[in-house]
Each structure stands twice: as structure tokens, then as C-alpha cells.
Amino acid sequence: SLPISLLQSAVLLVHPANIIWVWLFSWSAIIGTTLFKV
């Protein structure tokens, strides 16, 4: 989650957009990455 959190924060701060879609994509990436590693 650490690099994903940093990336999504940078995206939101540099290019303001609809937060919910950025969060949803990031949450999916966190869950997907964790499950893949396991």
C-alpha cells in the first residue's frame, strides 16, 4: 500500500480529479497486489 498511497496522493495533488475513482483504483491495486504476492 505504501507506494500506491504515495502515487495516488501525488496524482490527486498535481491533477485534482474525482477522488472516489482514484481511491477505488488504488484500493483494488492494494488488494490485488497483496493476493498476488501470497
Full PDB file with SEQRES, HELIX, SHEET, SSBOND, CRYST1, ORIGX, SCALE, CONECT and MASTER records, all heavy atoms in Angstrom:
SEQRES   1 A   38  SER LEU PRO ILE SER LEU LEU GLN SER ALA VAL LEU LEU          
SEQRES   2 A   38  VAL HIS PRO ALA ASN ILE ILE TRP VAL TRP LEU PHE SER          
SEQRES   3 A   38  TRP SER ALA ILE ILE GLY THR THR LEU PHE LYS VAL              
HELIX    1 AA1 LEU A    2  VAL A   14  1                                  13    
HELIX    2 AA2 ILE A   19  LYS A   37  1                                  19    
CRYST1    1.000    1.000    1.000  90.00  90.00  90.00 P 1           1          
ORIGX1      1.000000  0.000000  0.000000        0.00000                         
ORIGX2      0.000000  1.000000  0.000000        0.00000                         
ORIGX3      0.000000  0.000000  1.000000        0.00000                         
SCALE1      1.000000  0.000000  0.000000        0.00000                         
SCALE2      0.000000  1.000000  0.000000        0.00000                         
SCALE3      0.000000  0.000000  1.000000        0.00000                         
ATOM      1  N   SER A   1       0.808  -1.225   0.000  1.00  0.00           N  
ATOM      2  CA  SER A   1       0.000   0.000   0.000  1.00  0.00           C  
ATOM      3  C   SER A   1       0.842   1.276   0.000  1.00  0.00           C  
ATOM      4  O   SER A   1       0.374   2.319  -0.466  1.00  0.00           O  
ATOM      5  CB  SER A   1      -0.934   0.012   1.220  1.00  0.00           C  
ATOM      6  OG  SER A   1      -0.203   0.176   2.423  1.00  0.00           O  
ATOM      7  N   LEU A   2       2.085   1.211   0.512  1.00  0.00           N  
ATOM      8  CA  LEU A   2       2.897   2.423   0.638  1.00  0.00           C  
ATOM      9  C   LEU A   2       3.148   3.122  -0.700  1.00  0.00           C  
ATOM     10  O   LEU A   2       2.823   4.308  -0.851  1.00  0.00           O  
ATOM     11  CB  LEU A   2       4.214   2.088   1.346  1.00  0.00           C  
ATOM     12  CG  LEU A   2       4.111   1.832   2.850  1.00  0.00           C  
ATOM     13  CD1 LEU A   2       5.469   1.418   3.422  1.00  0.00           C  
ATOM     14  CD2 LEU A   2       3.581   3.061   3.573  1.00  0.00           C  
ATOM     15  N   PRO A   3       3.710   2.443  -1.694  1.00  0.00           N  
ATOM     16  CA  PRO A   3       3.932   3.145  -2.967  1.00  0.00           C  
ATOM     17  C   PRO A   3       2.628   3.549  -3.645  1.00  0.00           C  
ATOM     18  O   PRO A   3       2.564   4.591  -4.306  1.00  0.00           O  
ATOM     19  CB  PRO A   3       4.707   2.120  -3.807  1.00  0.00           C  
ATOM     20  CG  PRO A   3       4.380   0.799  -3.205  1.00  0.00           C  
ATOM     21  CD  PRO A   3       4.208   1.051  -1.746  1.00  0.00           C  
ATOM     22  N   ILE A   4       1.592   2.738  -3.467  1.00  0.00           N  
ATOM     23  CA  ILE A   4       0.303   3.072  -4.084  1.00  0.00           C  
ATOM     24  C   ILE A   4      -0.286   4.320  -3.437  1.00  0.00           C  
ATOM     25  O   ILE A   4      -0.830   5.201  -4.121  1.00  0.00           O  
ATOM     26  CB  ILE A   4      -0.668   1.880  -3.957  1.00  0.00           C  
ATOM     27  CG1 ILE A   4      -0.120   0.687  -4.754  1.00  0.00           C  
ATOM     28  CG2 ILE A   4      -2.061   2.259  -4.450  1.00  0.00           C  
ATOM     29  CD1 ILE A   4      -0.914  -0.592  -4.576  1.00  0.00           C  
ATOM     30  N   SER A   5      -0.154   4.431  -2.112  1.00  0.00           N  
ATOM     31  CA  SER A   5      -0.652   5.617  -1.404  1.00  0.00           C  
ATOM     32  C   SER A   5       0.088   6.874  -1.840  1.00  0.00           C  
ATOM     33  O   SER A   5      -0.517   7.932  -2.052  1.00  0.00           O  
ATOM     34  CB  SER A   5      -0.505   5.424   0.106  1.00  0.00           C  
ATOM     35  OG  SER A   5      -1.298   4.351   0.566  1.00  0.00           O  
ATOM     36  N   LEU A   6       1.408   6.753  -1.969  1.00  0.00           N  
ATOM     37  CA  LEU A   6       2.196   7.906  -2.406  1.00  0.00           C  
ATOM     38  C   LEU A   6       1.815   8.324  -3.818  1.00  0.00           C  
ATOM     39  O   LEU A   6       1.672   9.523  -4.114  1.00  0.00           O  
ATOM     40  CB  LEU A   6       3.687   7.566  -2.341  1.00  0.00           C  
ATOM     41  CG  LEU A   6       4.274   7.362  -0.934  1.00  0.00           C  
ATOM     42  CD1 LEU A   6       5.713   6.888  -1.019  1.00  0.00           C  
ATOM     43  CD2 LEU A   6       4.178   8.652  -0.125  1.00  0.00           C  
ATOM     44  N   LEU A   7       1.621   7.342  -4.685  1.00  0.00           N  
ATOM     45  CA  LEU A   7       1.273   7.640  -6.071  1.00  0.00           C  
ATOM     46  C   LEU A   7      -0.097   8.301  -6.182  1.00  0.00           C  
ATOM     47  O   LEU A   7      -0.255   9.301  -6.891  1.00  0.00           O  
ATOM     48  CB  LEU A   7       1.312   6.359  -6.907  1.00  0.00           C  
ATOM     49  CG  LEU A   7       0.937   6.512  -8.389  1.00  0.00           C  
ATOM     50  CD1 LEU A   7       1.910   7.473  -9.071  1.00  0.00           C  
ATOM     51  CD2 LEU A   7       0.933   5.158  -9.080  1.00  0.00           C  
ATOM     52  N   GLN A   8      -1.076   7.768  -5.460  1.00  0.00           N  
ATOM     53  CA  GLN A   8      -2.415   8.343  -5.563  1.00  0.00           C  
ATOM     54  C   GLN A   8      -2.463   9.736  -4.945  1.00  0.00           C  
ATOM     55  O   GLN A   8      -3.172  10.617  -5.469  1.00  0.00           O  
ATOM     56  CB  GLN A   8      -3.454   7.433  -4.913  1.00  0.00           C  
ATOM     57  CG  GLN A   8      -3.339   7.304  -3.401  1.00  0.00           C  
ATOM     58  CD  GLN A   8      -4.446   6.454  -2.814  1.00  0.00           C  
ATOM     59  OE1 GLN A   8      -5.597   6.613  -3.192  1.00  0.00           O  
ATOM     60  NE2 GLN A   8      -4.098   5.544  -1.914  1.00  0.00           N  
ATOM     61  N   SER A   9      -1.711   9.978  -3.872  1.00  0.00           N  
ATOM     62  CA  SER A   9      -1.658  11.311  -3.286  1.00  0.00           C  
ATOM     63  C   SER A   9      -1.051  12.306  -4.260  1.00  0.00           C  
ATOM     64  O   SER A   9      -1.538  13.431  -4.407  1.00  0.00           O  
ATOM     65  CB  SER A   9      -0.846  11.289  -1.985  1.00  0.00           C  
ATOM     66  OG  SER A   9      -1.443  10.446  -1.026  1.00  0.00           O  
ATOM     67  N   ALA A  10       0.029  11.876  -4.948  1.00  0.00           N  
ATOM     68  CA  ALA A  10       0.666  12.758  -5.926  1.00  0.00           C  
ATOM     69  C   ALA A  10      -0.280  13.071  -7.083  1.00  0.00           C  
ATOM     70  O   ALA A  10      -0.369  14.221  -7.532  1.00  0.00           O  
ATOM     71  CB  ALA A  10       1.940  12.094  -6.455  1.00  0.00           C  
ATOM     72  N   VAL A  11      -1.023  12.071  -7.531  1.00  0.00           N  
ATOM     73  CA  VAL A  11      -1.965  12.284  -8.630  1.00  0.00           C  
ATOM     74  C   VAL A  11      -3.047  13.267  -8.232  1.00  0.00           C  
ATOM     75  O   VAL A  11      -3.400  14.188  -8.986  1.00  0.00           O  
ATOM     76  CB  VAL A  11      -2.589  10.939  -9.068  1.00  0.00           C  
ATOM     77  CG1 VAL A  11      -3.749  11.177 -10.031  1.00  0.00           C  
ATOM     78  CG2 VAL A  11      -1.533  10.051  -9.713  1.00  0.00           C  
ATOM     79  N   LEU A  12      -3.571  13.112  -7.017  1.00  0.00           N  
ATOM     80  CA  LEU A  12      -4.653  13.980  -6.567  1.00  0.00           C  
ATOM     81  C   LEU A  12      -4.179  15.417  -6.348  1.00  0.00           C  
ATOM     82  O   LEU A  12      -4.929  16.367  -6.579  1.00  0.00           O  
ATOM     83  CB  LEU A  12      -5.254  13.428  -5.278  1.00  0.00           C  
ATOM     84  CG  LEU A  12      -6.062  12.137  -5.430  1.00  0.00           C  
ATOM     85  CD1 LEU A  12      -6.438  11.572  -4.070  1.00  0.00           C  
ATOM     86  CD2 LEU A  12      -7.320  12.383  -6.260  1.00  0.00           C  
ATOM     87  N   LEU A  13      -2.938  15.566  -5.894  1.00  0.00           N  
ATOM     88  CA  LEU A  13      -2.431  16.901  -5.607  1.00  0.00           C  
ATOM     89  C   LEU A  13      -1.991  17.635  -6.880  1.00  0.00           C  
ATOM     90  O   LEU A  13      -2.167  18.853  -7.000  1.00  0.00           O  
ATOM     91  CB  LEU A  13      -1.262  16.818  -4.626  1.00  0.00           C  
ATOM     92  CG  LEU A  13      -1.643  16.343  -3.213  1.00  0.00           C  
ATOM     93  CD1 LEU A  13      -0.393  16.132  -2.373  1.00  0.00           C  
ATOM     94  CD2 LEU A  13      -2.558  17.350  -2.540  1.00  0.00           C  
ATOM     95  N   VAL A  14      -1.422  16.879  -7.821  1.00  0.00           N  
ATOM     96  CA  VAL A  14      -0.949  17.514  -9.048  1.00  0.00           C  
ATOM     97  C   VAL A  14      -2.098  17.769 -10.017  1.00  0.00           C  
ATOM     98  O   VAL A  14      -2.185  18.822 -10.649  1.00  0.00           O  
ATOM     99  CB  VAL A  14       0.129  16.630  -9.720  1.00  0.00           C  
ATOM    100  CG1 VAL A  14       0.508  17.193 -11.084  1.00  0.00           C  
ATOM    101  CG2 VAL A  14       1.353  16.534  -8.821  1.00  0.00           C  
ATOM    102  N   HIS A  15      -2.988  16.797 -10.126  1.00  0.00           N  
ATOM    103  CA  HIS A  15      -4.101  16.925 -11.072  1.00  0.00           C  
ATOM    104  C   HIS A  15      -5.402  16.585 -10.342  1.00  0.00           C  
ATOM    105  O   HIS A  15      -5.854  15.439 -10.350  1.00  0.00           O  
ATOM    106  CB  HIS A  15      -3.897  15.992 -12.259  1.00  0.00           C  
ATOM    107  CG  HIS A  15      -4.987  16.092 -13.279  1.00  0.00           C  
ATOM    108  ND1 HIS A  15      -5.187  17.218 -14.040  1.00  0.00           N  
ATOM    109  CD2 HIS A  15      -5.950  15.211 -13.651  1.00  0.00           C  
ATOM    110  CE1 HIS A  15      -6.224  17.027 -14.839  1.00  0.00           C  
ATOM    111  NE2 HIS A  15      -6.702  15.805 -14.618  1.00  0.00           N  
ATOM    112  N   PRO A  16      -6.015  17.564  -9.692  1.00  0.00           N  
ATOM    113  CA  PRO A  16      -7.255  17.308  -8.953  1.00  0.00           C  
ATOM    114  C   PRO A  16      -8.301  16.636  -9.854  1.00  0.00           C  
ATOM    115  O   PRO A  16      -8.571  17.057 -10.958  1.00  0.00           O  
ATOM    116  CB  PRO A  16      -7.707  18.708  -8.531  1.00  0.00           C  
ATOM    117  CG  PRO A  16      -6.455  19.509  -8.501  1.00  0.00           C  
ATOM    118  CD  PRO A  16      -5.608  18.982  -9.621  1.00  0.00           C  
ATOM    119  N   ALA A  17      -8.869  15.559  -9.344  1.00  0.00           N  
ATOM    120  CA  ALA A  17      -9.875  14.818 -10.098  1.00  0.00           C  
ATOM    121  C   ALA A  17     -10.900  14.286  -9.120  1.00  0.00           C  
ATOM    122  O   ALA A  17     -10.845  14.587  -7.926  1.00  0.00           O  
ATOM    123  CB  ALA A  17      -9.216  13.685 -10.878  1.00  0.00           C  
ATOM    124  N   ASN A  18     -11.797  13.526  -9.610  1.00  0.00           N  
ATOM    125  CA  ASN A  18     -12.780  12.902  -8.733  1.00  0.00           C  
ATOM    126  C   ASN A  18     -12.069  11.891  -7.834  1.00  0.00           C  
ATOM    127  O   ASN A  18     -11.595  10.856  -8.292  1.00  0.00           O  
ATOM    128  CB  ASN A  18     -13.859  12.198  -9.569  1.00  0.00           C  
ATOM    129  CG  ASN A  18     -15.050  11.814  -8.716  1.00  0.00           C  
ATOM    130  OD1 ASN A  18     -14.901  11.495  -7.542  1.00  0.00           O  
ATOM    131  ND2 ASN A  18     -16.225  11.848  -9.304  1.00  0.00           N  
ATOM    132  N   ILE A  19     -12.025  12.180  -6.548  1.00  0.00           N  
ATOM    133  CA  ILE A  19     -11.238  11.368  -5.623  1.00  0.00           C  
ATOM    134  C   ILE A  19     -11.696   9.922  -5.584  1.00  0.00           C  
ATOM    135  O   ILE A  19     -10.876   9.012  -5.508  1.00  0.00           O  
ATOM    136  CB  ILE A  19     -11.312  11.976  -4.202  1.00  0.00           C  
ATOM    137  CG1 ILE A  19     -10.613  13.325  -4.174  1.00  0.00           C  
ATOM    138  CG2 ILE A  19     -10.669  11.047  -3.184  1.00  0.00           C  
ATOM    139  CD1 ILE A  19     -10.678  13.991  -2.833  1.00  0.00           C  
ATOM    140  N   ILE A  20     -12.998   9.717  -5.635  1.00  0.00           N  
ATOM    141  CA  ILE A  20     -13.510   8.369  -5.421  1.00  0.00           C  
ATOM    142  C   ILE A  20     -12.950   7.372  -6.422  1.00  0.00           C  
ATOM    143  O   ILE A  20     -12.624   6.240  -6.085  1.00  0.00           O  
ATOM    144  CB  ILE A  20     -15.060   8.372  -5.455  1.00  0.00           C  
ATOM    145  CG1 ILE A  20     -15.601   6.993  -5.071  1.00  0.00           C  
ATOM    146  CG2 ILE A  20     -15.574   8.800  -6.809  1.00  0.00           C  
ATOM    147  CD1 ILE A  20     -15.222   6.554  -3.698  1.00  0.00           C  
ATOM    148  N   TRP A  21     -12.796   7.803  -7.692  1.00  0.00           N  
ATOM    149  CA  TRP A  21     -12.271   6.883  -8.703  1.00  0.00           C  
ATOM    150  C   TRP A  21     -10.795   6.594  -8.477  1.00  0.00           C  
ATOM    151  O   TRP A  21     -10.334   5.458  -8.701  1.00  0.00           O  
ATOM    152  CB  TRP A  21     -12.499   7.459 -10.098  1.00  0.00           C  
ATOM    153  CG  TRP A  21     -13.957   7.605 -10.416  1.00  0.00           C  
ATOM    154  CD1 TRP A  21     -14.661   8.756 -10.569  1.00  0.00           C  
ATOM    155  CD2 TRP A  21     -14.899   6.549 -10.569  1.00  0.00           C  
ATOM    156  NE1 TRP A  21     -15.984   8.499 -10.808  1.00  0.00           N  
ATOM    157  CE2 TRP A  21     -16.164   7.146 -10.821  1.00  0.00           C  
ATOM    158  CE3 TRP A  21     -14.814   5.155 -10.526  1.00  0.00           C  
ATOM    159  CZ2 TRP A  21     -17.316   6.399 -11.027  1.00  0.00           C  
ATOM    160  CZ3 TRP A  21     -15.967   4.410 -10.734  1.00  0.00           C  
ATOM    161  CH2 TRP A  21     -17.190   5.024 -10.984  1.00  0.00           C  
ATOM    162  N   VAL A  22     -10.051   7.587  -8.034  1.00  0.00           N  
ATOM    163  CA  VAL A  22      -8.629   7.369  -7.718  1.00  0.00           C  
ATOM    164  C   VAL A  22      -8.506   6.411  -6.546  1.00  0.00           C  
ATOM    165  O   VAL A  22      -7.676   5.487  -6.556  1.00  0.00           O  
ATOM    166  CB  VAL A  22      -7.933   8.706  -7.400  1.00  0.00           C  
ATOM    167  CG1 VAL A  22      -6.470   8.474  -7.013  1.00  0.00           C  
ATOM    168  CG2 VAL A  22      -8.021   9.641  -8.596  1.00  0.00           C  
ATOM    169  N   TRP A  23      -9.320   6.625  -5.514  1.00  0.00           N  
ATOM    170  CA  TRP A  23      -9.291   5.726  -4.358  1.00  0.00           C  
ATOM    171  C   TRP A  23      -9.683   4.306  -4.740  1.00  0.00           C  
ATOM    172  O   TRP A  23      -9.035   3.347  -4.332  1.00  0.00           O  
ATOM    173  CB  TRP A  23     -10.213   6.254  -3.263  1.00  0.00           C  
ATOM    174  CG  TRP A  23      -9.559   7.292  -2.403  1.00  0.00           C  
ATOM    175  CD1 TRP A  23      -8.227   7.525  -2.246  1.00  0.00           C  
ATOM    176  CD2 TRP A  23     -10.222   8.252  -1.578  1.00  0.00           C  
ATOM    177  NE1 TRP A  23      -8.024   8.568  -1.376  1.00  0.00           N  
ATOM    178  CE2 TRP A  23      -9.218   9.032  -0.949  1.00  0.00           C  
ATOM    179  CE3 TRP A  23     -11.561   8.533  -1.318  1.00  0.00           C  
ATOM    180  CZ2 TRP A  23      -9.520  10.057  -0.066  1.00  0.00           C  
ATOM    181  CZ3 TRP A  23     -11.866   9.569  -0.434  1.00  0.00           C  
ATOM    182  CH2 TRP A  23     -10.853  10.322   0.181  1.00  0.00           C  
ATOM    183  N   LEU A  24     -10.756   4.160  -5.504  1.00  0.00           N  
ATOM    184  CA  LEU A  24     -11.208   2.822  -5.883  1.00  0.00           C  
ATOM    185  C   LEU A  24     -10.132   2.065  -6.654  1.00  0.00           C  
ATOM    186  O   LEU A  24      -9.902   0.870  -6.422  1.00  0.00           O  
ATOM    187  CB  LEU A  24     -12.491   2.915  -6.709  1.00  0.00           C  
ATOM    188  CG  LEU A  24     -13.775   3.265  -5.947  1.00  0.00           C  
ATOM    189  CD1 LEU A  24     -14.934   3.448  -6.910  1.00  0.00           C  
ATOM    190  CD2 LEU A  24     -14.097   2.194  -4.915  1.00  0.00           C  
ATOM    191  N   PHE A  25      -9.476   2.752  -7.566  1.00  0.00           N  
ATOM    192  CA  PHE A  25      -8.396   2.113  -8.321  1.00  0.00           C  
ATOM    193  C   PHE A  25      -7.258   1.712  -7.387  1.00  0.00           C  
ATOM    194  O   PHE A  25      -6.702   0.614  -7.501  1.00  0.00           O  
ATOM    195  CB  PHE A  25      -7.883   3.067  -9.400  1.00  0.00           C  
ATOM    196  CG  PHE A  25      -6.742   2.516 -10.202  1.00  0.00           C  
ATOM    197  CD1 PHE A  25      -6.971   1.641 -11.254  1.00  0.00           C  
ATOM    198  CD2 PHE A  25      -5.428   2.851  -9.885  1.00  0.00           C  
ATOM    199  CE1 PHE A  25      -5.909   1.114 -11.991  1.00  0.00           C  
ATOM    200  CE2 PHE A  25      -4.368   2.337 -10.615  1.00  0.00           C  
ATOM    201  CZ  PHE A  25      -4.614   1.462 -11.670  1.00  0.00           C  
ATOM    202  N   SER A  26      -6.913   2.601  -6.456  1.00  0.00           N  
ATOM    203  CA  SER A  26      -5.804   2.321  -5.533  1.00  0.00           C  
ATOM    204  C   SER A  26      -6.151   1.161  -4.600  1.00  0.00           C  
ATOM    205  O   SER A  26      -5.308   0.294  -4.337  1.00  0.00           O  
ATOM    206  CB  SER A  26      -5.480   3.570  -4.716  1.00  0.00           C  
ATOM    207  OG  SER A  26      -5.111   4.641  -5.551  1.00  0.00           O  
ATOM    208  N   TRP A  27      -7.381   1.138  -4.095  1.00  0.00           N  
ATOM    209  CA  TRP A  27      -7.786   0.049  -3.199  1.00  0.00           C  
ATOM    210  C   TRP A  27      -7.755  -1.285  -3.928  1.00  0.00           C  
ATOM    211  O   TRP A  27      -7.306  -2.292  -3.371  1.00  0.00           O  
ATOM    212  CB  TRP A  27      -9.186   0.319  -2.643  1.00  0.00           C  
ATOM    213  CG  TRP A  27      -9.285   1.580  -1.840  1.00  0.00           C  
ATOM    214  CD1 TRP A  27      -8.251   2.320  -1.337  1.00  0.00           C  
ATOM    215  CD2 TRP A  27     -10.483   2.266  -1.465  1.00  0.00           C  
ATOM    216  NE1 TRP A  27      -8.733   3.415  -0.669  1.00  0.00           N  
ATOM    217  CE2 TRP A  27     -10.092   3.413  -0.732  1.00  0.00           C  
ATOM    218  CE3 TRP A  27     -11.840   2.038  -1.676  1.00  0.00           C  
ATOM    219  CZ2 TRP A  27     -11.025   4.308  -0.209  1.00  0.00           C  
ATOM    220  CZ3 TRP A  27     -12.774   2.930  -1.152  1.00  0.00           C  
ATOM    221  CH2 TRP A  27     -12.361   4.051  -0.420  1.00  0.00           C  
ATOM    222  N   SER A  28      -8.218  -1.289  -5.167  1.00  0.00           N  
ATOM    223  CA  SER A  28      -8.169  -2.524  -5.956  1.00  0.00           C  
ATOM    224  C   SER A  28      -6.726  -2.969  -6.165  1.00  0.00           C  
ATOM    225  O   SER A  28      -6.421  -4.170  -6.111  1.00  0.00           O  
ATOM    226  CB  SER A  28      -8.854  -2.313  -7.307  1.00  0.00           C  
ATOM    227  OG  SER A  28     -10.206  -1.936  -7.140  1.00  0.00           O  
ATOM    228  N   ALA A  29      -5.828  -1.997  -6.389  1.00  0.00           N  
ATOM    229  CA  ALA A  29      -4.414  -2.324  -6.591  1.00  0.00           C  
ATOM    230  C   ALA A  29      -3.796  -2.908  -5.318  1.00  0.00           C  
ATOM    231  O   ALA A  29      -3.002  -3.857  -5.388  1.00  0.00           O  
ATOM    232  CB  ALA A  29      -3.647  -1.076  -7.032  1.00  0.00           C  
ATOM    233  N   ILE A  30      -4.151  -2.361  -4.155  1.00  0.00           N  
ATOM    234  CA  ILE A  30      -3.610  -2.871  -2.889  1.00  0.00           C  
ATOM    235  C   ILE A  30      -4.042  -4.307  -2.660  1.00  0.00           C  
ATOM    236  O   ILE A  30      -3.243  -5.193  -2.330  1.00  0.00           O  
ATOM    237  CB  ILE A  30      -4.054  -1.978  -1.714  1.00  0.00           C  
ATOM    238  CG1 ILE A  30      -3.394  -0.598  -1.802  1.00  0.00           C  
ATOM    239  CG2 ILE A  30      -3.714  -2.636  -0.373  1.00  0.00           C  
ATOM    240  CD1 ILE A  30      -3.926   0.402  -0.796  1.00  0.00           C  
ATOM    241  N   ILE A  31      -5.339  -4.576  -2.821  1.00  0.00           N  
ATOM    242  CA  ILE A  31      -5.856  -5.930  -2.607  1.00  0.00           C  
ATOM    243  C   ILE A  31      -5.281  -6.894  -3.640  1.00  0.00           C  
ATOM    244  O   ILE A  31      -4.830  -7.998  -3.307  1.00  0.00           O  
ATOM    245  CB  ILE A  31      -7.396  -5.931  -2.668  1.00  0.00           C  
ATOM    246  CG1 ILE A  31      -7.960  -5.125  -1.495  1.00  0.00           C  
ATOM    247  CG2 ILE A  31      -7.937  -7.361  -2.640  1.00  0.00           C  
ATOM    248  CD1 ILE A  31      -9.468  -4.972  -1.514  1.00  0.00           C  
ATOM    249  N   GLY A  32      -5.263  -6.472  -4.906  1.00  0.00           N  
ATOM    250  CA  GLY A  32      -4.749  -7.337  -5.957  1.00  0.00           C  
ATOM    251  C   GLY A  32      -3.276  -7.663  -5.780  1.00  0.00           C  
ATOM    252  O   GLY A  32      -2.860  -8.824  -5.939  1.00  0.00           O  
ATOM    253  N   THR A  33      -2.475  -6.662  -5.436  1.00  0.00           N  
ATOM    254  CA  THR A  33      -1.040  -6.880  -5.234  1.00  0.00           C  
ATOM    255  C   THR A  33      -0.777  -7.817  -4.066  1.00  0.00           C  
ATOM    256  O   THR A  33       0.066  -8.719  -4.137  1.00  0.00           O  
ATOM    257  CB  THR A  33      -0.321  -5.538  -4.989  1.00  0.00           C  
ATOM    258  OG1 THR A  33      -0.543  -4.667  -6.097  1.00  0.00           O  
ATOM    259  CG2 THR A  33       1.174  -5.753  -4.798  1.00  0.00           C  
ATOM    260  N   THR A  34      -1.507  -7.620  -2.972  1.00  0.00           N  
ATOM    261  CA  THR A  34      -1.335  -8.475  -1.792  1.00  0.00           C  
ATOM    262  C   THR A  34      -1.688  -9.920  -2.101  1.00  0.00           C  
ATOM    263  O   THR A  34      -0.934 -10.848  -1.765  1.00  0.00           O  
ATOM    264  CB  THR A  34      -2.214  -7.961  -0.636  1.00  0.00           C  
ATOM    265  OG1 THR A  34      -1.882  -6.606  -0.342  1.00  0.00           O  
ATOM    266  CG2 THR A  34      -2.006  -8.811   0.611  1.00  0.00           C  
ATOM    267  N   LEU A  35      -2.819 -10.140  -2.734  1.00  0.00           N  
ATOM    268  CA  LEU A  35      -3.239 -11.504  -3.056  1.00  0.00           C  
ATOM    269  C   LEU A  35      -2.265 -12.167  -4.032  1.00  0.00           C  
ATOM    270  O   LEU A  35      -1.972 -13.359  -3.916  1.00  0.00           O  
ATOM    271  CB  LEU A  35      -4.648 -11.490  -3.645  1.00  0.00           C  
ATOM    272  CG  LEU A  35      -5.763 -11.037  -2.689  1.00  0.00           C  
ATOM    273  CD1 LEU A  35      -7.115 -11.088  -3.386  1.00  0.00           C  
ATOM    274  CD2 LEU A  35      -5.792 -11.895  -1.426  1.00  0.00           C  
ATOM    275  N   PHE A  36      -1.754 -11.392  -4.991  1.00  0.00           N  
ATOM    276  CA  PHE A  36      -0.804 -11.964  -5.948  1.00  0.00           C  
ATOM    277  C   PHE A  36       0.483 -12.397  -5.252  1.00  0.00           C  
ATOM    278  O   PHE A  36       1.035 -13.462  -5.557  1.00  0.00           O  
ATOM    279  CB  PHE A  36      -0.486 -10.950  -7.049  1.00  0.00           C  
ATOM    280  CG  PHE A  36       0.556 -11.431  -8.013  1.00  0.00           C  
ATOM    281  CD1 PHE A  36       0.249 -12.366  -8.990  1.00  0.00           C  
ATOM    282  CD2 PHE A  36       1.872 -10.957  -7.929  1.00  0.00           C  
ATOM    283  CE1 PHE A  36       1.214 -12.824  -9.873  1.00  0.00           C  
ATOM    284  CE2 PHE A  36       2.837 -11.420  -8.808  1.00  0.00           C  
ATOM    285  CZ  PHE A  36       2.513 -12.349  -9.782  1.00  0.00           C  
ATOM    286  N   LYS A  37       0.979 -11.572  -4.316  1.00  0.00           N  
ATOM    287  CA  LYS A  37       2.211 -11.923  -3.607  1.00  0.00           C  
ATOM    288  C   LYS A  37       2.031 -13.197  -2.791  1.00  0.00           C  
ATOM    289  O   LYS A  37       2.935 -14.035  -2.721  1.00  0.00           O  
ATOM    290  CB  LYS A  37       2.648 -10.760  -2.706  1.00  0.00           C  
ATOM    291  CG  LYS A  37       3.214  -9.573  -3.473  1.00  0.00           C  
ATOM    292  CD  LYS A  37       3.728  -8.499  -2.515  1.00  0.00           C  
ATOM    293  CE  LYS A  37       4.374  -7.358  -3.289  1.00  0.00           C  
ATOM    294  NZ  LYS A  37       4.901  -6.304  -2.378  1.00  0.00           N  
ATOM    295  N   VAL A  38       0.853 -13.340  -2.166  1.00  0.00           N  
ATOM    296  CA  VAL A  38       0.591 -14.547  -1.383  1.00  0.00           C  
ATOM    297  C   VAL A  38       0.452 -15.756  -2.306  1.00  0.00           C  
ATOM    298  O   VAL A  38       0.980 -16.834  -2.026  1.00  0.00           O  
ATOM    299  CB  VAL A  38      -0.677 -14.352  -0.527  1.00  0.00           C  
ATOM    300  CG1 VAL A  38      -1.097 -15.661   0.127  1.00  0.00           C  
ATOM    301  CG2 VAL A  38      -0.431 -13.298   0.543  1.00  0.00           C  
TER     302      VAL A  38                                                      
MASTER        0    0    0    2    0    0    0    6  301    1    0    3          
END                                                                             
